[in-house]
C-alpha atoms as a PDB file:
ATOM      1  CA  MET A   1       9.571   7.834 -14.031  1.00  0.00           C
ATOM      2  CA  GLY A   2      12.691   7.867 -15.288  1.00  0.00           C
ATOM      3  CA  GLY A   3      12.205   5.129 -18.093  1.00  0.00           C
ATOM      4  CA  MET A   4      10.830   1.707 -18.261  1.00  0.00           C
ATOM      5  CA  ALA A   5      13.016  -1.751 -17.310  1.00  0.00           C
ATOM      6  CA  GLY A   6      11.384  -5.101 -17.819  1.00  0.00           C
ATOM      7  CA  GLU A   7      10.989  -7.950 -15.887  1.00  0.00           C
ATOM      8  CA  THR A   8       8.663 -10.930 -16.120  1.00  0.00           C
ATOM      9  CA  VAL A   9       6.497 -11.773 -13.206  1.00  0.00           C
ATOM     10  CA  GLU A  10       4.152 -14.620 -12.486  1.00  0.00           C
ATOM     11  CA  LEU A  11       1.074 -14.467 -10.601  1.00  0.00           C
ATOM     12  CA  PRO A  12      -1.535 -16.903  -9.162  1.00  0.00           C
ATOM     13  CA  ARG A  13      -4.230 -17.204 -12.049  1.00  0.00           C
ATOM     14  CA  ALA A  14      -6.735 -16.074  -9.770  1.00  0.00           C
ATOM     15  CA  LEU A  15      -5.194 -13.298  -9.114  1.00  0.00           C
ATOM     16  CA  LEU A  16      -4.096 -12.253 -12.585  1.00  0.00           C
ATOM     17  CA  THR A  17      -8.168 -13.339 -13.367  1.00  0.00           C
ATOM     18  CA  SER A  18      -8.989 -10.480 -10.879  1.00  0.00           C
ATOM     19  CA  VAL A  19      -6.304  -7.926 -11.900  1.00  0.00           C
ATOM     20  CA  ARG A  20      -7.698  -8.209 -15.477  1.00  0.00           C
ATOM     21  CA  GLU A  21     -11.294  -7.632 -14.714  1.00  0.00           C
ATOM     22  CA  ALA A  22     -10.250  -4.580 -12.345  1.00  0.00           C
ATOM     23  CA  VAL A  23      -8.278  -2.724 -15.301  1.00  0.00           C
ATOM     24  CA  GLY A  24     -10.535  -3.961 -18.299  1.00  0.00           C
ATOM     25  CA  SER A  25      -8.989  -2.757 -21.430  1.00  0.00           C
ATOM     26  CA  ASP A  26      -6.749  -0.265 -20.050  1.00  0.00           C
ATOM     27  CA  GLY A  27      -4.155  -2.977 -19.509  1.00  0.00           C
ATOM     28  CA  ILE A  28      -2.094  -4.520 -16.258  1.00  0.00           C
ATOM     29  CA  GLU A  29       1.196  -2.539 -16.736  1.00  0.00           C
ATOM     30  CA  ASP A  30      -0.251   0.710 -15.282  1.00  0.00           C
ATOM     31  CA  PHE A  31      -2.218  -0.932 -12.279  1.00  0.00           C
ATOM     32  CA  VAL A  32       0.879  -3.458 -11.420  1.00  0.00           C
ATOM     33  CA  VAL A  33       3.175  -0.182 -11.622  1.00  0.00           C
ATOM     34  CA  ALA A  34       0.577   1.634  -9.336  1.00  0.00           C
ATOM     35  CA  ALA A  35       0.356  -1.099  -7.024  1.00  0.00           C
ATOM     36  CA  VAL A  36       4.038  -1.912  -6.667  1.00  0.00           C
ATOM     37  CA  GLU A  37       4.605   1.853  -6.028  1.00  0.00           C
ATOM     38  CA  THR A  38       1.779   1.796  -3.227  1.00  0.00           C
ATOM     39  CA  HIS A  39       2.995  -1.373  -1.522  1.00  0.00           C
ATOM     40  CA  LEU A  40       6.922   0.186  -1.181  1.00  0.00           C
ATOM     41  CA  ARG A  41       5.009   3.388   0.091  1.00  0.00           C
ATOM     42  CA  ASN A  42       3.375   1.473   2.656  1.00  0.00           C
ATOM     43  CA  ARG A  43       6.325  -0.649   3.596  1.00  0.00           C
ATOM     44  CA  GLU A  44       8.322   2.858   3.897  1.00  0.00           C
ATOM     45  CA  LEU A  45       5.386   4.359   6.157  1.00  0.00           C
ATOM     46  CA  GLY A  46       5.753   0.985   8.136  1.00  0.00           C
ATOM     47  CA  ARG A  47       9.426   1.593   8.658  1.00  0.00           C
ATOM     48  CA  ILE A  48       8.947   5.006   9.852  1.00  0.00           C
ATOM     49  CA  LEU A  49       6.371   4.218  12.294  1.00  0.00           C
ATOM     50  CA  ASP A  50       8.159   1.292  13.688  1.00  0.00           C
ATOM     51  CA  GLU A  51      11.106   3.670  14.050  1.00  0.00           C
ATOM     52  CA  LEU A  52       8.691   6.602  15.743  1.00  0.00           C
ATOM     53  CA  GLU A  53       7.636   3.881  18.113  1.00  0.00           C
ATOM     54  CA  ALA A  54      10.971   2.700  19.092  1.00  0.00           C
ATOM     55  CA  GLU A  55      11.599   6.581  19.656  1.00  0.00           C
ATOM     56  CA  ALA A  56       8.740   7.606  21.463  1.00  0.00           C
ATOM     57  CA  GLY A  57       6.834   4.459  22.555  1.00  0.00           C
ATOM     58  CA  THR A  58       3.488   3.226  21.699  1.00  0.00           C
ATOM     59  CA  VAL A  59       0.377   5.326  21.560  1.00  0.00           C
ATOM     60  CA  PRO A  60      -1.560   5.137  25.006  1.00  0.00           C
ATOM     61  CA  PRO A  61      -4.758   3.167  23.747  1.00  0.00           C
ATOM     62  CA  GLY A  62      -7.118   6.044  25.060  1.00  0.00           C
ATOM     63  CA  LEU A  63      -5.398   8.668  23.174  1.00  0.00           C
ATOM     64  CA  THR A  64      -5.891   5.998  19.859  1.00  0.00           C
ATOM     65  CA  ALA A  65      -9.481   5.578  20.426  1.00  0.00           C
ATOM     66  CA  GLU A  66      -9.921   9.508  20.706  1.00  0.00           C
ATOM     67  CA  ALA A  67      -8.235   9.645  17.468  1.00  0.00           C
ATOM     68  CA  GLU A  68     -10.494   6.750  15.622  1.00  0.00           C
ATOM     69  CA  ALA A  69     -13.795   8.540  16.916  1.00  0.00           C
ATOM     70  CA  PHE A  70     -11.841  11.832  15.652  1.00  0.00           C
ATOM     71  CA  TRP A  71     -11.471  10.554  12.029  1.00  0.00           C
ATOM     72  CA  ARG A  72     -14.709   8.732  12.147  1.00  0.00           C
ATOM     73  CA  ALA A  73     -16.811  11.826  12.644  1.00  0.00           C
ATOM     74  CA  SER A  74     -14.863  13.921  10.223  1.00  0.00           C
END
């Protein structure tokens, strides 16, 4: 990861309670790191998908339905 750096963030009380319940005795640092990494990957994926759609156009609805059916059957 290349070292750690500190930053203080505030979370809504209910969200922090949910995080604490989810991680138990593991602590929240690893959970927050994983959540931020996942969020950043998802944003990058969204950017890539937007770029592909701009270049190639939208996926035809029939093809989307076919792909969804394939993945549900897998």
